[in-house]
Amino acid sequence: MERVWEESYKAYGVRKVWRQLVREGIDVARCTVARLMRDMDIQGIIRGKPHRATISDKRAPCLLDKVNREFRVPAPNMLGAYPLDTSKRIR
């Protein structure tokens, strides 16, 4: 398996390594090839540019609350509390 991977200039992934082994007459399951490649830390070349999440700057100041939202509640589970008569549905 490692020979097939190196002959492909370390470009083949699980599926292509598995197909080449089957062509050579080595009967092996694809999941076995995947597990062994993972254990041997072998990986094929991945197309495209890798996507990176935004890395936040820890030194940047925290933004101010420009909307003046009130985050204090009078009691637990009361953040969205309002009188029930104001929420009547129109039928």
PDB file of N, CA and C in Angstrom:
ATOM      1  N   MET A   1       0.826  -1.180   0.000  1.00  0.00           N
ATOM      2  CA  MET A   1       0.000   0.000   0.000  1.00  0.00           C
ATOM      3  C   MET A   1       0.876   1.251   0.000  1.00  0.00           C
ATOM      4  N   GLU A   2       1.892   1.261   0.827  1.00  0.00           N
ATOM      5  CA  GLU A   2       2.789   2.413   0.869  1.00  0.00           C
ATOM      6  C   GLU A   2       3.552   2.553  -0.446  1.00  0.00           C
ATOM      7  N   ARG A   3       3.872   1.438  -1.082  1.00  0.00           N
ATOM      8  CA  ARG A   3       4.563   1.466  -2.374  1.00  0.00           C
ATOM      9  C   ARG A   3       3.697   2.139  -3.428  1.00  0.00           C
ATOM     10  N   VAL A   4       2.411   1.774  -3.480  1.00  0.00           N
ATOM     11  CA  VAL A   4       1.485   2.371  -4.449  1.00  0.00           C
ATOM     12  C   VAL A   4       1.373   3.869  -4.197  1.00  0.00           C
ATOM     13  N   TRP A   5       1.297   4.263  -2.945  1.00  0.00           N
ATOM     14  CA  TRP A   5       1.176   5.672  -2.583  1.00  0.00           C
ATOM     15  C   TRP A   5       2.419   6.454  -2.991  1.00  0.00           C
ATOM     16  N   GLU A   6       3.603   5.865  -2.757  1.00  0.00           N
ATOM     17  CA  GLU A   6       4.840   6.556  -3.116  1.00  0.00           C
ATOM     18  C   GLU A   6       5.060   6.583  -4.623  1.00  0.00           C
ATOM     19  N   GLU A   7       4.619   5.537  -5.340  1.00  0.00           N
ATOM     20  CA  GLU A   7       4.746   5.538  -6.799  1.00  0.00           C
ATOM     21  C   GLU A   7       3.855   6.603  -7.434  1.00  0.00           C
ATOM     22  N   SER A   8       2.822   7.003  -6.749  1.00  0.00           N
ATOM     23  CA  SER A   8       1.946   8.061  -7.262  1.00  0.00           C
ATOM     24  C   SER A   8       2.444   9.439  -6.826  1.00  0.00           C
ATOM     25  N   TYR A   9       3.683   9.513  -6.364  1.00  0.00           N
ATOM     26  CA  TYR A   9       4.278  10.755  -5.858  1.00  0.00           C
ATOM     27  C   TYR A   9       3.471  11.305  -4.688  1.00  0.00           C
ATOM     28  N   LYS A  10       2.980  10.394  -3.869  1.00  0.00           N
ATOM     29  CA  LYS A  10       2.224  10.705  -2.645  1.00  0.00           C
ATOM     30  C   LYS A  10       0.970  11.522  -2.942  1.00  0.00           C
ATOM     31  N   ALA A  11       0.388  11.272  -4.111  1.00  0.00           N
ATOM     32  CA  ALA A  11      -0.797  12.022  -4.525  1.00  0.00           C
ATOM     33  C   ALA A  11      -2.081  11.231  -4.339  1.00  0.00           C
ATOM     34  N   TYR A  12      -2.022   9.903  -4.396  1.00  0.00           N
ATOM     35  CA  TYR A  12      -3.227   9.082  -4.334  1.00  0.00           C
ATOM     36  C   TYR A  12      -3.831   9.099  -2.944  1.00  0.00           C
ATOM     37  N   GLY A  13      -5.149   9.149  -2.915  1.00  0.00           N
ATOM     38  CA  GLY A  13      -5.886   9.024  -1.671  1.00  0.00           C
ATOM     39  C   GLY A  13      -6.331   7.586  -1.480  1.00  0.00           C
ATOM     40  N   VAL A  14      -7.264   7.380  -0.583  1.00  0.00           N
ATOM     41  CA  VAL A  14      -7.726   6.037  -0.232  1.00  0.00           C
ATOM     42  C   VAL A  14      -8.311   5.321  -1.440  1.00  0.00           C
ATOM     43  N   ARG A  15      -9.202   6.000  -2.162  1.00  0.00           N
ATOM     44  CA  ARG A  15      -9.908   5.341  -3.257  1.00  0.00           C
ATOM     45  C   ARG A  15      -8.950   4.908  -4.360  1.00  0.00           C
ATOM     46  N   LYS A  16      -8.009   5.761  -4.750  1.00  0.00           N
ATOM     47  CA  LYS A  16      -7.097   5.411  -5.841  1.00  0.00           C
ATOM     48  C   LYS A  16      -6.079   4.358  -5.413  1.00  0.00           C
ATOM     49  N   VAL A  17      -5.618   4.407  -4.177  1.00  0.00           N
ATOM     50  CA  VAL A  17      -4.711   3.362  -3.683  1.00  0.00           C
ATOM     51  C   VAL A  17      -5.440   2.029  -3.678  1.00  0.00           C
ATOM     52  N   TRP A  18      -6.675   2.029  -3.203  1.00  0.00           N
ATOM     53  CA  TRP A  18      -7.471   0.799  -3.167  1.00  0.00           C
ATOM     54  C   TRP A  18      -7.691   0.251  -4.566  1.00  0.00           C
ATOM     55  N   ARG A  19      -8.051   1.111  -5.539  1.00  0.00           N
ATOM     56  CA  ARG A  19      -8.267   0.659  -6.921  1.00  0.00           C
ATOM     57  C   ARG A  19      -6.996   0.064  -7.513  1.00  0.00           C
ATOM     58  N   GLN A  20      -5.855   0.668  -7.238  1.00  0.00           N
ATOM     59  CA  GLN A  20      -4.586   0.152  -7.762  1.00  0.00           C
ATOM     60  C   GLN A  20      -4.259  -1.203  -7.141  1.00  0.00           C
ATOM     61  N   LEU A  21      -4.522  -1.370  -5.870  1.00  0.00           N
ATOM     62  CA  LEU A  21      -4.277  -2.661  -5.225  1.00  0.00           C
ATOM     63  C   LEU A  21      -5.170  -3.741  -5.822  1.00  0.00           C
ATOM     64  N   VAL A  22      -6.430  -3.414  -6.114  1.00  0.00           N
ATOM     65  CA  VAL A  22      -7.346  -4.382  -6.728  1.00  0.00           C
ATOM     66  C   VAL A  22      -6.859  -4.742  -8.128  1.00  0.00           C
ATOM     67  N   ARG A  23      -6.366  -3.744  -8.886  1.00  0.00           N
ATOM     68  CA  ARG A  23      -5.834  -4.016 -10.226  1.00  0.00           C
ATOM     69  C   ARG A  23      -4.631  -4.952 -10.179  1.00  0.00           C
ATOM     70  N   GLU A  24      -3.839  -4.833  -9.131  1.00  0.00           N
ATOM     71  CA  GLU A  24      -2.655  -5.677  -8.983  1.00  0.00           C
ATOM     72  C   GLU A  24      -2.993  -7.051  -8.423  1.00  0.00           C
ATOM     73  N   GLY A  25      -4.253  -7.295  -8.122  1.00  0.00           N
ATOM     74  CA  GLY A  25      -4.670  -8.608  -7.651  1.00  0.00           C
ATOM     75  C   GLY A  25      -4.673  -8.767  -6.149  1.00  0.00           C
ATOM     76  N   ILE A  26      -4.484  -7.690  -5.424  1.00  0.00           N
ATOM     77  CA  ILE A  26      -4.511  -7.736  -3.960  1.00  0.00           C
ATOM     78  C   ILE A  26      -5.942  -7.432  -3.527  1.00  0.00           C
ATOM     79  N   ASP A  27      -6.637  -8.443  -3.011  1.00  0.00           N
ATOM     80  CA  ASP A  27      -8.035  -8.302  -2.620  1.00  0.00           C
ATOM     81  C   ASP A  27      -8.100  -7.770  -1.194  1.00  0.00           C
ATOM     82  N   VAL A  28      -8.482  -6.513  -1.070  1.00  0.00           N
ATOM     83  CA  VAL A  28      -8.549  -5.869   0.240  1.00  0.00           C
ATOM     84  C   VAL A  28      -9.746  -4.920   0.233  1.00  0.00           C
ATOM     85  N   ALA A  29     -10.362  -4.748   1.383  1.00  0.00           N
ATOM     86  CA  ALA A  29     -11.516  -3.854   1.498  1.00  0.00           C
ATOM     87  C   ALA A  29     -11.054  -2.403   1.532  1.00  0.00           C
ATOM     88  N   ARG A  30     -11.887  -1.525   0.992  1.00  0.00           N
ATOM     89  CA  ARG A  30     -11.518  -0.112   0.953  1.00  0.00           C
ATOM     90  C   ARG A  30     -11.434   0.477   2.357  1.00  0.00           C
ATOM     91  N   CYS A  31     -12.300   0.024   3.259  1.00  0.00           N
ATOM     92  CA  CYS A  31     -12.252   0.546   4.622  1.00  0.00           C
ATOM     93  C   CYS A  31     -10.961   0.137   5.330  1.00  0.00           C
ATOM     94  N   THR A  32     -10.430  -1.024   4.953  1.00  0.00           N
ATOM     95  CA  THR A  32      -9.155  -1.470   5.517  1.00  0.00           C
ATOM     96  C   THR A  32      -8.024  -0.577   5.031  1.00  0.00           C
ATOM     97  N   VAL A  33      -8.056  -0.244   3.736  1.00  0.00           N
ATOM     98  CA  VAL A  33      -7.043   0.663   3.187  1.00  0.00           C
ATOM     99  C   VAL A  33      -7.141   2.020   3.876  1.00  0.00           C
ATOM    100  N   ALA A  34      -8.355   2.502   4.086  1.00  0.00           N
ATOM    101  CA  ALA A  34      -8.547   3.791   4.753  1.00  0.00           C
ATOM    102  C   ALA A  34      -8.002   3.755   6.176  1.00  0.00           C
ATOM    103  N   ARG A  35      -8.294   2.688   6.908  1.00  0.00           N
ATOM    104  CA  ARG A  35      -7.821   2.579   8.291  1.00  0.00           C
ATOM    105  C   ARG A  35      -6.306   2.510   8.351  1.00  0.00           C
ATOM    106  N   LEU A  36      -5.708   1.688   7.469  1.00  0.00           N
ATOM    107  CA  LEU A  36      -4.254   1.555   7.477  1.00  0.00           C
ATOM    108  C   LEU A  36      -3.565   2.855   7.066  1.00  0.00           C
ATOM    109  N   MET A  37      -4.129   3.547   6.082  1.00  0.00           N
ATOM    110  CA  MET A  37      -3.539   4.827   5.676  1.00  0.00           C
ATOM    111  C   MET A  37      -3.646   5.848   6.805  1.00  0.00           C
ATOM    112  N   ARG A  38      -4.757   5.826   7.533  1.00  0.00           N
ATOM    113  CA  ARG A  38      -4.917   6.733   8.669  1.00  0.00           C
ATOM    114  C   ARG A  38      -3.914   6.394   9.767  1.00  0.00           C
ATOM    115  N   ASP A  39      -3.728   5.085  10.041  1.00  0.00           N
ATOM    116  CA  ASP A  39      -2.780   4.663  11.074  1.00  0.00           C
ATOM    117  C   ASP A  39      -1.343   5.010  10.704  1.00  0.00           C
ATOM    118  N   MET A  40      -1.023   4.925   9.397  1.00  0.00           N
ATOM    119  CA  MET A  40       0.333   5.218   8.931  1.00  0.00           C
ATOM    120  C   MET A  40       0.532   6.707   8.653  1.00  0.00           C
ATOM    121  N   ASP A  41      -0.502   7.506   8.901  1.00  0.00           N
ATOM    122  CA  ASP A  41      -0.468   8.954   8.669  1.00  0.00           C
ATOM    123  C   ASP A  41      -0.135   9.279   7.216  1.00  0.00           C
ATOM    124  N   ILE A  42      -0.783   8.537   6.304  1.00  0.00           N
ATOM    125  CA  ILE A  42      -0.625   8.736   4.866  1.00  0.00           C
ATOM    126  C   ILE A  42      -1.883   9.411   4.355  1.00  0.00           C
ATOM    127  N   GLN A  43      -1.699  10.468   3.549  1.00  0.00           N
ATOM    128  CA  GLN A  43      -2.841  11.197   3.019  1.00  0.00           C
ATOM    129  C   GLN A  43      -2.526  11.633   1.600  1.00  0.00           C
ATOM    130  N   GLY A  44      -3.529  11.584   0.744  1.00  0.00           N
ATOM    131  CA  GLY A  44      -3.356  12.035  -0.629  1.00  0.00           C
ATOM    132  C   GLY A  44      -3.400  13.546  -0.715  1.00  0.00           C
ATOM    133  N   ILE A  45      -3.104  14.055  -1.901  1.00  0.00           N
ATOM    134  CA  ILE A  45      -3.147  15.492  -2.117  1.00  0.00           C
ATOM    135  C   ILE A  45      -4.605  15.924  -2.230  1.00  0.00           C
ATOM    136  N   ILE A  46      -4.938  17.025  -1.585  1.00  0.00           N
ATOM    137  CA  ILE A  46      -6.298  17.540  -1.579  1.00  0.00           C
ATOM    138  C   ILE A  46      -6.377  18.708  -2.551  1.00  0.00           C
ATOM    139  N   ARG A  47      -7.385  18.674  -3.416  1.00  0.00           N
ATOM    140  CA  ARG A  47      -7.565  19.743  -4.394  1.00  0.00           C
ATOM    141  C   ARG A  47      -8.038  21.020  -3.736  1.00  0.00           C
ATOM    142  N   GLY A  48      -7.660  22.123  -4.295  1.00  0.00           N
ATOM    143  CA  GLY A  48      -8.170  23.417  -3.856  1.00  0.00           C
ATOM    144  C   GLY A  48      -7.415  23.987  -2.679  1.00  0.00           C
ATOM    145  N   LYS A  49      -7.807  25.179  -2.327  1.00  0.00           N
ATOM    146  CA  LYS A  49      -7.179  25.887  -1.228  1.00  0.00           C
ATOM    147  C   LYS A  49      -7.882  25.502   0.072  1.00  0.00           C
ATOM    148  N   PRO A  50      -7.153  25.213   1.127  1.00  0.00           N
ATOM    149  CA  PRO A  50      -7.816  24.861   2.389  1.00  0.00           C
ATOM    150  C   PRO A  50      -8.544  26.075   2.969  1.00  0.00           C
ATOM    151  N   HIS A  51      -9.723  25.834   3.492  1.00  0.00           N
ATOM    152  CA  HIS A  51     -10.522  26.904   4.079  1.00  0.00           C
ATOM    153  C   HIS A  51     -10.124  27.079   5.535  1.00  0.00           C
ATOM    154  N   ARG A  52      -9.912  28.319   5.928  1.00  0.00           N
ATOM    155  CA  ARG A  52      -9.544  28.609   7.306  1.00  0.00           C
ATOM    156  C   ARG A  52     -10.609  29.487   7.935  1.00  0.00           C
ATOM    157  N   ALA A  53     -10.905  29.210   9.161  1.00  0.00           N
ATOM    158  CA  ALA A  53     -11.846  30.051   9.894  1.00  0.00           C
ATOM    159  C   ALA A  53     -11.134  31.352  10.271  1.00  0.00           C
ATOM    160  N   THR A  54     -11.894  32.356  10.569  1.00  0.00           N
ATOM    161  CA  THR A  54     -11.318  33.631  10.973  1.00  0.00           C
ATOM    162  C   THR A  54     -10.602  33.458  12.302  1.00  0.00           C
ATOM    163  N   ILE A  55      -9.388  33.943  12.371  1.00  0.00           N
ATOM    164  CA  ILE A  55      -8.617  33.878  13.608  1.00  0.00           C
ATOM    165  C   ILE A  55      -8.734  35.243  14.279  1.00  0.00           C
ATOM    166  N   SER A  56      -9.352  35.272  15.449  1.00  0.00           N
ATOM    167  CA  SER A  56      -9.576  36.546  16.125  1.00  0.00           C
ATOM    168  C   SER A  56      -8.291  37.033  16.782  1.00  0.00           C
ATOM    169  N   ASP A  57      -8.166  38.339  16.861  1.00  0.00           N
ATOM    170  CA  ASP A  57      -7.015  38.967  17.490  1.00  0.00           C
ATOM    171  C   ASP A  57      -7.340  39.172  18.965  1.00  0.00           C
ATOM    172  N   LYS A  58      -6.618  38.502  19.835  1.00  0.00           N
ATOM    173  CA  LYS A  58      -6.890  38.577  21.276  1.00  0.00           C
ATOM    174  C   LYS A  58      -6.540  39.953  21.840  1.00  0.00           C
ATOM    175  N   ARG A  59      -5.672  40.693  21.158  1.00  0.00           N
ATOM    176  CA  ARG A  59      -5.263  42.009  21.655  1.00  0.00           C
ATOM    177  C   ARG A  59      -6.243  43.108  21.260  1.00  0.00           C
ATOM    178  N   ALA A  60      -7.166  42.825  20.350  1.00  0.00           N
ATOM    179  CA  ALA A  60      -8.124  43.836  19.903  1.00  0.00           C
ATOM    180  C   ALA A  60      -9.103  44.157  21.031  1.00  0.00           C
ATOM    181  N   PRO A  61      -9.488  45.433  21.156  1.00  0.00           N
ATOM    182  CA  PRO A  61     -10.433  45.786  22.228  1.00  0.00           C
ATOM    183  C   PRO A  61     -11.822  45.236  21.941  1.00  0.00           C
ATOM    184  N   CYS A  62     -12.566  45.002  23.012  1.00  0.00           N
ATOM    185  CA  CYS A  62     -13.934  44.505  22.894  1.00  0.00           C
ATOM    186  C   CYS A  62     -14.821  45.639  22.381  1.00  0.00           C
ATOM    187  N   LEU A  63     -15.730  45.334  21.486  1.00  0.00           N
ATOM    188  CA  LEU A  63     -16.620  46.356  20.955  1.00  0.00           C
ATOM    189  C   LEU A  63     -17.632  46.784  22.008  1.00  0.00           C
ATOM    190  N   LEU A  64     -17.993  48.061  21.968  1.00  0.00           N
ATOM    191  CA  LEU A  64     -18.966  48.584  22.929  1.00  0.00           C
ATOM    192  C   LEU A  64     -20.376  48.204  22.506  1.00  0.00           C
ATOM    193  N   ASP A  65     -21.273  48.209  23.491  1.00  0.00           N
ATOM    194  CA  ASP A  65     -22.680  47.915  23.225  1.00  0.00           C
ATOM    195  C   ASP A  65     -23.345  49.207  22.766  1.00  0.00           C
ATOM    196  N   LYS A  66     -23.420  49.417  21.464  1.00  0.00           N
ATOM    197  CA  LYS A  66     -23.938  50.674  20.923  1.00  0.00           C
ATOM    198  C   LYS A  66     -25.461  50.738  20.934  1.00  0.00           C
ATOM    199  N   VAL A  67     -26.132  49.634  21.175  1.00  0.00           N
ATOM    200  CA  VAL A  67     -27.590  49.604  21.175  1.00  0.00           C
ATOM    201  C   VAL A  67     -28.133  49.773  22.591  1.00  0.00           C
ATOM    202  N   ASN A  68     -27.267  49.735  23.583  1.00  0.00           N
ATOM    203  CA  ASN A  68     -27.635  49.837  25.002  1.00  0.00           C
ATOM    204  C   ASN A  68     -28.607  48.740  25.408  1.00  0.00           C
ATOM    205  N   ARG A  69     -28.297  47.532  25.040  1.00  0.00           N
ATOM    206  CA  ARG A  69     -29.144  46.401  25.415  1.00  0.00           C
ATOM    207  C   ARG A  69     -29.007  46.128  26.903  1.00  0.00           C
ATOM    208  N   GLU A  70     -30.087  45.696  27.510  1.00  0.00           N
ATOM    209  CA  GLU A  70     -30.107  45.385  28.934  1.00  0.00           C
ATOM    210  C   GLU A  70     -30.028  43.875  29.096  1.00  0.00           C
ATOM    211  N   PHE A  71     -28.957  43.398  29.698  1.00  0.00           N
ATOM    212  CA  PHE A  71     -28.755  41.961  29.842  1.00  0.00           C
ATOM    213  C   PHE A  71     -29.088  41.457  31.240  1.00  0.00           C
ATOM    214  N   ARG A  72     -29.552  42.335  32.130  1.00  0.00           N
ATOM    215  CA  ARG A  72     -29.917  41.909  33.473  1.00  0.00           C
ATOM    216  C   ARG A  72     -31.387  41.525  33.500  1.00  0.00           C
ATOM    217  N   VAL A  73     -31.709  40.437  34.175  1.00  0.00           N
ATOM    218  CA  VAL A  73     -33.099  39.982  34.287  1.00  0.00           C
ATOM    219  C   VAL A  73     -33.502  40.003  35.758  1.00  0.00           C
ATOM    220  N   PRO A  74     -34.787  40.248  36.066  1.00  0.00           N
ATOM    221  CA  PRO A  74     -35.218  40.326  37.466  1.00  0.00           C
ATOM    222  C   PRO A  74     -35.209  38.975  38.178  1.00  0.00           C
ATOM    223  N   ALA A  75     -35.408  37.892  37.427  1.00  0.00           N
ATOM    224  CA  ALA A  75     -35.439  36.557  38.020  1.00  0.00           C
ATOM    225  C   ALA A  75     -34.999  35.550  36.956  1.00  0.00           C
ATOM    226  N   PRO A  76     -34.680  34.328  37.365  1.00  0.00           N
ATOM    227  CA  PRO A  76     -34.295  33.327  36.370  1.00  0.00           C
ATOM    228  C   PRO A  76     -35.422  33.053  35.374  1.00  0.00           C
ATOM    229  N   ASN A  77     -35.075  32.769  34.149  1.00  0.00           N
ATOM    230  CA  ASN A  77     -36.010  32.448  33.065  1.00  0.00           C
ATOM    231  C   ASN A  77     -37.018  33.566  32.796  1.00  0.00           C
ATOM    232  N   MET A  78     -36.619  34.799  32.963  1.00  0.00           N
ATOM    233  CA  MET A  78     -37.527  35.930  32.767  1.00  0.00           C
ATOM    234  C   MET A  78     -37.009  36.894  31.700  1.00  0.00           C
ATOM    235  N   LEU A  79     -36.100  36.464  30.857  1.00  0.00           N
ATOM    236  CA  LEU A  79     -35.496  37.380  29.893  1.00  0.00           C
ATOM    237  C   LEU A  79     -36.523  37.904  28.901  1.00  0.00           C
ATOM    238  N   GLY A  80     -37.411  37.040  28.400  1.00  0.00           N
ATOM    239  CA  GLY A  80     -38.403  37.469  27.421  1.00  0.00           C
ATOM    240  C   GLY A  80     -39.777  37.643  28.037  1.00  0.00           C
ATOM    241  N   ALA A  81     -39.862  37.952  29.321  1.00  0.00           N
ATOM    242  CA  ALA A  81     -41.158  38.023  29.997  1.00  0.00           C
ATOM    243  C   ALA A  81     -41.868  39.325  29.663  1.00  0.00           C
ATOM    244  N   TYR A  82     -43.148  39.225  29.360  1.00  0.00           N
ATOM    245  CA  TYR A  82     -43.995  40.385  29.111  1.00  0.00           C
ATOM    246  C   TYR A  82     -45.428  39.959  29.400  1.00  0.00           C
ATOM    247  N   PRO A  83     -46.322  40.899  29.602  1.00  0.00           N
ATOM    248  CA  PRO A  83     -47.718  40.544  29.926  1.00  0.00           C
ATOM    249  C   PRO A  83     -48.356  39.721  28.813  1.00  0.00           C
ATOM    250  N   LEU A  84     -49.126  38.716  29.200  1.00  0.00           N
ATOM    251  CA  LEU A  84     -49.720  37.820  28.217  1.00  0.00           C
ATOM    252  C   LEU A  84     -50.801  38.485  27.378  1.00  0.00           C
ATOM    253  N   ASP A  85     -51.478  39.512  27.928  1.00  0.00           N
ATOM    254  CA  ASP A  85     -52.556  40.136  27.166  1.00  0.00           C
ATOM    255  C   ASP A  85     -52.036  40.929  25.963  1.00  0.00           C
ATOM    256  N   THR A  86     -50.760  41.251  25.931  1.00  0.00           N
ATOM    257  CA  THR A  86     -50.206  41.982  24.784  1.00  0.00           C
ATOM    258  C   THR A  86     -49.847  41.060  23.637  1.00  0.00           C
ATOM    259  N   SER A  87     -49.919  39.748  23.870  1.00  0.00           N
ATOM    260  CA  SER A  87     -49.494  38.818  22.825  1.00  0.00           C
ATOM    261  C   SER A  87     -50.658  38.048  22.217  1.00  0.00           C
ATOM    262  N   LYS A  88     -51.870  38.638  22.240  1.00  0.00           N
ATOM    263  CA  LYS A  88     -53.036  37.950  21.677  1.00  0.00           C
ATOM    264  C   LYS A  88     -52.910  37.878  20.163  1.00  0.00           C
ATOM    265  N   ARG A  89     -53.298  36.730  19.628  1.00  0.00           N
ATOM    266  CA  ARG A  89     -53.272  36.566  18.171  1.00  0.00           C
ATOM    267  C   ARG A  89     -54.563  37.076  17.565  1.00  0.00           C
ATOM    268  N   ILE A  90     -54.467  37.632  16.391  1.00  0.00           N
ATOM    269  CA  ILE A  90     -55.655  38.072  15.659  1.00  0.00           C
ATOM    270  C   ILE A  90     -56.132  36.911  14.815  1.00  0.00           C
ATOM    271  N   ARG A  91     -57.409  36.565  14.953  1.00  0.00           N
ATOM    272  CA  ARG A  91     -57.939  35.439  14.184  1.00  0.00           C
ATOM    273  C   ARG A  91     -58.887  35.892  13.138  1.00  0.00           C
TER     274      ARG A  91
END
